[in-house]
Amino acid sequence: MSDILLTAIGAIALYLFAGLRVLREYERGVYFLLGHLRPTKGPGLIFLPPLLAKMQKVSLRVMAIDIPPQDVITRDNISIKVNAVLYMRVKTPDKAVVGVENYLYATSQLAQTTLRSVLGETEMDELLASRDKVNAILRQIIDQRTEEWGIEVSAVEVKDVDLPPEMKRAMARQAEAERERRAKVINAEGELQASEKLAQAAHIIGAEPAAIQLRYLQTVNEIASENNSTTIFPIPIDLFKVFMDRLAPTGNPPAALPERAAGAGERLPAVQNKGKAKA
């Protein structure tokens, strides 16, 4: 009798020990008892009745799903290849197990079809210039579709955009033309600013006559500073104007009388010298 009792106790202890499970902090157990869904278990030590219950572990950590390259024709009829990456996590474990057979595969397929659909309605320039906007639209659409599966999509990022070779060459020519246009605009703006400054300088020099002489002497000094150079330049007469004014006689000479009067045949007497008149 005692042997049977010990055997029964040992069998019960073994049964209970076989039903023990340990779930980590980031794991949850979707628990089915006799085929019926029971409340989610975990984390920690749980008991799972052998032969009567079944449990499926679900990770709550963020997972990255790689979306393979997709052939896409954009809105402006350009054929490209685009791949992306999707970041998701399980928000409701029982929905992720009961609502869909394989939530990872289903989310990956949904992301691929959504990527082709959204980029097919987007122009090439918008895809290259506003990639954040495209990522936000992809994340919103996929998150709405996977909400009933208990999946939360945190981000969708377009990684690589593979362009055709002829499109790459066209974009390179366009970028080069844009750089040349900017260089010409900057050069024209510099010419405009320089002309404005020169006009202001000419106005100031024109208002002060001595300024142009100083500028002339400065230019001569700059030319003379060069080695092995011979410079021939005219001297402006204005430099000697002061000396010429000092050397000129102060009194005005008397006007000479004509020898013949206008309209008469008589010769006028010559003007006698002052010395003879005084004698």
Protein backbone atom coordinates (compact mmCIF):
# COMPACT_ATOMS: atom_id res chain seq x y z
CA MET A 1 0.00 0.00 0.00
CA SER A 2 2.79 2.32 0.89
CA ASP A 3 4.56 1.57 -2.38
CA ILE A 4 1.48 2.50 -4.37
CA LEU A 5 1.14 5.73 -2.38
CA LEU A 6 4.77 6.65 -2.93
CA THR A 7 4.43 5.89 -6.62
CA ALA A 8 1.34 8.10 -6.88
CA ILE A 9 3.06 10.92 -5.02
CA GLY A 10 6.09 10.62 -7.25
CA ALA A 11 3.94 10.64 -10.39
CA ILE A 12 2.06 13.74 -9.21
CA ALA A 13 5.30 15.52 -8.35
CA LEU A 14 6.76 14.62 -11.72
CA TYR A 15 3.59 15.84 -13.46
CA LEU A 16 3.68 19.14 -11.61
CA PHE A 17 7.39 19.58 -12.25
CA ALA A 18 6.93 18.86 -15.96
CA GLY A 19 4.37 21.66 -16.21
CA LEU A 20 6.66 24.38 -14.89
CA ARG A 21 7.81 27.05 -17.36
CA VAL A 22 9.95 30.17 -16.98
CA LEU A 23 9.22 33.24 -19.12
CA ARG A 24 11.68 36.12 -19.42
CA GLU A 25 10.78 39.75 -18.88
CA TYR A 26 10.29 40.42 -22.60
CA GLU A 27 8.32 37.20 -23.23
CA ARG A 28 4.65 36.41 -22.88
CA GLY A 29 2.92 33.04 -23.13
CA VAL A 30 -0.30 32.68 -25.12
CA TYR A 31 -2.00 29.87 -23.18
CA PHE A 32 -4.54 27.39 -24.60
CA LEU A 33 -6.30 24.97 -22.21
CA LEU A 34 -8.16 22.19 -23.99
CA GLY A 35 -8.13 24.35 -27.14
CA HIS A 36 -9.58 27.43 -25.47
CA LEU A 37 -7.65 30.67 -25.19
CA ARG A 38 -6.80 31.55 -21.62
CA PRO A 39 -5.34 34.81 -20.23
CA THR A 40 -1.77 35.53 -21.30
CA LYS A 41 0.88 34.39 -18.82
CA GLY A 42 4.29 35.80 -17.90
CA PRO A 43 6.81 36.87 -17.08
CA GLY A 44 8.26 34.62 -14.39
CA LEU A 45 7.49 31.04 -13.28
CA ILE A 46 4.21 29.64 -14.59
CA PHE A 47 2.52 26.25 -14.55
CA LEU A 48 1.36 24.62 -17.76
CA PRO A 49 -0.65 21.39 -17.29
CA PRO A 50 1.00 18.76 -19.47
CA LEU A 51 -1.15 17.04 -22.09
CA LEU A 52 -3.99 19.48 -21.39
CA ALA A 53 -2.53 22.88 -22.29
CA LYS A 54 -0.36 24.36 -24.95
CA MET A 55 1.58 27.60 -24.86
CA GLN A 56 3.23 29.73 -27.56
CA LYS A 57 5.90 32.23 -26.58
CA VAL A 58 5.73 35.72 -28.05
CA SER A 59 8.53 38.28 -27.79
CA LEU A 60 7.61 41.88 -26.99
CA ARG A 61 10.91 43.34 -28.22
CA VAL A 62 11.18 45.55 -31.29
CA MET A 63 12.02 43.51 -34.38
CA ALA A 64 13.53 44.71 -37.66
CA ILE A 65 12.12 43.17 -40.82
CA ASP A 66 14.10 43.65 -44.01
CA ILE A 67 11.93 44.38 -47.04
CA PRO A 68 13.64 42.96 -50.17
CA PRO A 69 14.17 45.16 -53.27
CA GLN A 70 10.95 45.88 -55.10
CA ASP A 71 10.57 46.86 -58.77
CA VAL A 72 8.52 50.04 -58.77
CA ILE A 73 7.32 52.36 -61.55
CA THR A 74 6.90 55.85 -60.17
CA ARG A 75 4.19 58.31 -61.05
CA ASP A 76 6.38 59.94 -63.72
CA ASN A 77 7.05 56.53 -65.37
CA ILE A 78 10.56 55.88 -64.05
CA SER A 79 11.49 52.27 -63.26
CA ILE A 80 13.44 51.93 -60.00
CA LYS A 81 14.33 49.33 -57.37
CA VAL A 82 13.64 50.21 -53.75
CA ASN A 83 14.26 48.30 -50.52
CA ALA A 84 13.32 49.28 -46.99
CA VAL A 85 13.37 48.17 -43.37
CA LEU A 86 10.39 47.94 -41.00
CA TYR A 87 10.52 48.20 -37.20
CA MET A 88 7.66 46.54 -35.31
CA ARG A 89 6.76 44.95 -32.02
CA VAL A 90 3.94 42.81 -30.68
CA LYS A 91 1.56 44.94 -28.66
CA THR A 92 -1.16 42.35 -27.95
CA PRO A 93 0.26 38.79 -27.85
CA ASP A 94 -3.07 36.91 -28.00
CA LYS A 95 -4.12 38.81 -31.16
CA ALA A 96 -0.74 38.14 -32.78
CA VAL A 97 -1.28 34.39 -32.29
CA VAL A 98 -5.02 34.09 -32.83
CA GLY A 99 -5.60 36.85 -35.38
CA VAL A 100 -3.00 35.74 -37.95
CA GLU A 101 -1.18 32.48 -38.64
CA ASN A 102 2.34 33.95 -38.90
CA TYR A 103 2.45 37.63 -37.98
CA LEU A 104 6.07 38.10 -39.12
CA TYR A 105 5.43 36.75 -42.61
CA ALA A 106 2.11 38.59 -42.92
CA THR A 107 3.65 41.90 -41.87
CA SER A 108 6.53 41.47 -44.32
CA GLN A 109 4.19 40.76 -47.24
CA LEU A 110 1.96 43.69 -46.31
CA ALA A 111 4.99 45.98 -46.18
CA GLN A 112 6.13 44.91 -49.65
CA THR A 113 2.75 45.52 -51.29
CA THR A 114 2.31 48.83 -49.48
CA LEU A 115 5.78 49.96 -50.57
CA ARG A 116 4.99 49.30 -54.23
CA SER A 117 1.58 50.95 -53.96
CA VAL A 118 2.76 54.15 -52.25
CA LEU A 119 5.85 54.66 -54.43
CA GLY A 120 3.76 54.07 -57.55
CA GLU A 121 1.81 57.23 -56.66
CA THR A 122 4.94 59.26 -55.90
CA GLU A 123 7.13 61.16 -58.33
CA MET A 124 10.86 60.52 -58.50
CA ASP A 125 11.87 63.99 -57.30
CA GLU A 126 9.51 63.76 -54.33
CA LEU A 127 10.93 60.37 -53.37
CA LEU A 128 14.49 61.69 -53.38
CA ALA A 129 13.76 65.06 -51.76
CA SER A 130 10.99 64.16 -49.27
CA ARG A 131 11.92 60.69 -48.08
CA ASP A 132 10.75 61.41 -44.53
CA LYS A 133 7.27 62.16 -45.85
CA VAL A 134 7.19 58.89 -47.79
CA ASN A 135 8.36 56.98 -44.69
CA ALA A 136 5.60 58.53 -42.59
CA ILE A 137 2.93 57.54 -45.13
CA LEU A 138 4.23 53.95 -45.26
CA ARG A 139 4.30 53.65 -41.47
CA GLN A 140 0.77 55.02 -41.09
CA ILE A 141 -0.74 52.65 -43.68
CA ILE A 142 1.01 49.52 -42.41
CA ASP A 143 0.28 50.36 -38.77
CA GLN A 144 -3.44 50.71 -39.48
CA ARG A 145 -3.56 47.37 -41.31
CA THR A 146 -1.64 45.45 -38.63
CA GLU A 147 -3.50 46.90 -35.65
CA GLU A 148 -6.04 44.09 -35.71
CA TRP A 149 -3.15 41.61 -35.53
CA GLY A 150 -1.86 43.19 -32.32
CA ILE A 151 1.20 44.60 -34.11
CA GLU A 152 2.54 48.11 -33.63
CA VAL A 153 4.74 49.52 -36.40
CA SER A 154 7.13 52.11 -35.01
CA ALA A 155 8.99 53.11 -38.19
CA VAL A 156 9.44 52.31 -41.87
CA GLU A 157 12.63 53.54 -43.55
CA VAL A 158 13.41 53.49 -47.27
CA LYS A 159 17.04 52.41 -47.50
CA ASP A 160 18.26 52.34 -51.09
CA VAL A 161 16.83 53.71 -54.34
CA ASP A 162 18.48 52.06 -57.34
CA LEU A 163 18.16 54.29 -60.42
CA PRO A 164 18.69 53.28 -64.05
CA PRO A 165 22.09 54.30 -65.54
CA GLU A 166 20.56 56.78 -67.99
CA MET A 167 18.66 58.45 -65.14
CA LYS A 168 21.88 58.77 -63.13
CA ARG A 169 23.59 60.46 -66.07
CA ALA A 170 20.66 62.83 -66.57
CA MET A 171 20.67 63.75 -62.89
CA ALA A 172 24.43 64.35 -63.01
CA ARG A 173 24.01 66.73 -65.98
CA GLN A 174 21.18 68.49 -64.19
CA ALA A 175 23.26 68.93 -61.04
CA GLU A 176 26.20 70.27 -63.08
CA ALA A 177 23.94 72.77 -64.86
CA GLU A 178 22.51 73.88 -61.53
CA ARG A 179 26.01 74.46 -60.13
CA GLU A 180 26.98 76.48 -63.20
CA ARG A 181 23.83 78.57 -62.87
CA ARG A 182 24.59 79.32 -59.23
CA ALA A 183 28.17 80.27 -60.10
CA LYS A 184 26.98 82.69 -62.78
CA VAL A 185 24.43 84.21 -60.43
CA ILE A 186 27.07 84.69 -57.72
CA ASN A 187 29.47 86.22 -60.27
CA ALA A 188 26.77 88.60 -61.51
CA GLU A 189 25.93 89.64 -57.96
CA GLY A 190 29.62 90.32 -57.33
CA GLU A 191 29.84 92.45 -60.48
CA LEU A 192 26.76 94.41 -59.38
CA GLN A 193 28.16 95.08 -55.92
CA ALA A 194 31.54 96.07 -57.37
CA SER A 195 29.92 98.48 -59.82
CA GLU A 196 27.92 100.07 -57.02
CA LYS A 197 31.07 100.57 -54.95
CA LEU A 198 32.94 102.01 -57.95
CA ALA A 199 30.09 104.42 -58.61
CA GLN A 200 30.22 105.58 -55.00
CA ALA A 201 34.00 105.99 -55.20
CA ALA A 202 33.72 107.99 -58.44
CA HIS A 203 31.12 110.26 -56.86
CA ILE A 204 33.36 110.93 -53.85
CA ILE A 205 36.46 111.55 -56.00
CA GLY A 206 34.47 113.87 -58.28
CA ALA A 207 33.37 115.94 -55.30
CA GLU A 208 36.99 116.35 -54.07
CA PRO A 209 39.46 117.33 -56.88
CA ALA A 210 42.47 116.67 -54.64
CA ALA A 211 41.38 113.07 -54.16
CA ILE A 212 41.99 112.18 -57.79
CA GLN A 213 45.54 113.55 -57.56
CA LEU A 214 46.20 111.41 -54.48
CA ARG A 215 44.80 108.40 -56.27
CA TYR A 216 47.02 109.16 -59.25
CA LEU A 217 50.13 109.31 -57.06
CA GLN A 218 49.15 106.07 -55.33
CA THR A 219 48.79 104.33 -58.70
CA VAL A 220 52.20 105.64 -59.79
CA ASN A 221 53.69 104.31 -56.55
CA GLU A 222 52.18 100.88 -57.13
CA ILE A 223 53.50 100.74 -60.69
CA ALA A 224 56.98 101.88 -59.63
CA SER A 225 57.18 99.21 -56.91
CA GLU A 226 57.45 96.47 -59.53
CA ASN A 227 61.00 95.41 -60.35
CA ASN A 228 62.52 95.56 -63.85
CA SER A 229 59.83 97.81 -65.21
CA THR A 230 60.01 101.12 -67.05
CA THR A 231 57.00 103.38 -66.83
CA ILE A 232 56.36 106.37 -69.07
CA PHE A 233 53.45 108.55 -68.05
CA PRO A 234 52.43 112.17 -68.71
CA ILE A 235 52.64 114.71 -65.93
CA PRO A 236 49.33 116.51 -65.51
CA ILE A 237 49.57 120.24 -65.97
CA ASP A 238 47.50 120.77 -62.84
CA LEU A 239 50.53 119.85 -60.72
CA PHE A 240 52.42 122.95 -62.02
CA LYS A 241 49.44 125.32 -61.93
CA VAL A 242 50.50 126.85 -58.60
CA PHE A 243 54.05 127.58 -59.83
CA MET A 244 52.80 129.03 -63.11
CA ASP A 245 50.45 131.36 -61.31
CA ARG A 246 53.33 132.70 -59.19
CA LEU A 247 55.64 133.28 -62.20
CA ALA A 248 53.01 135.09 -64.30
CA PRO A 249 53.28 139.05 -64.35
CA THR A 250 50.86 140.86 -62.11
CA GLY A 251 50.07 143.84 -64.50
CA ASN A 252 48.30 143.56 -67.83
CA PRO A 253 50.32 144.90 -70.90
CA PRO A 254 48.75 147.73 -72.94
CA ALA A 255 46.89 146.66 -76.00
CA ALA A 256 48.73 147.31 -79.29
CA LEU A 257 47.11 149.81 -81.65
CA PRO A 258 46.70 148.90 -85.29
CA GLU A 259 48.88 150.67 -87.79
CA ARG A 260 45.95 151.56 -89.99
CA ALA A 261 42.54 152.66 -88.88
CA ALA A 262 39.72 150.50 -90.01
CA GLY A 263 38.14 151.96 -93.17
CA ALA A 264 40.84 154.75 -93.59
CA GLY A 265 43.98 154.88 -95.69
CA GLU A 266 45.98 156.97 -93.20
CA ARG A 267 48.72 155.44 -91.05
CA LEU A 268 48.55 156.28 -87.37
CA PRO A 269 51.68 157.58 -85.66
CA ALA A 270 53.65 155.01 -83.72
CA VAL A 271 53.63 155.22 -79.97
CA GLN A 272 56.76 156.93 -78.75
CA ASN A 273 58.98 155.48 -76.14
CA LYS A 274 58.47 156.75 -72.62
CA GLY A 275 62.14 157.69 -72.33
CA LYS A 276 62.06 159.92 -75.40
CA ALA A 277 58.90 161.64 -74.31
CA LYS A 278 60.44 162.44 -70.97
CA ALA A 279 63.53 164.05 -72.68
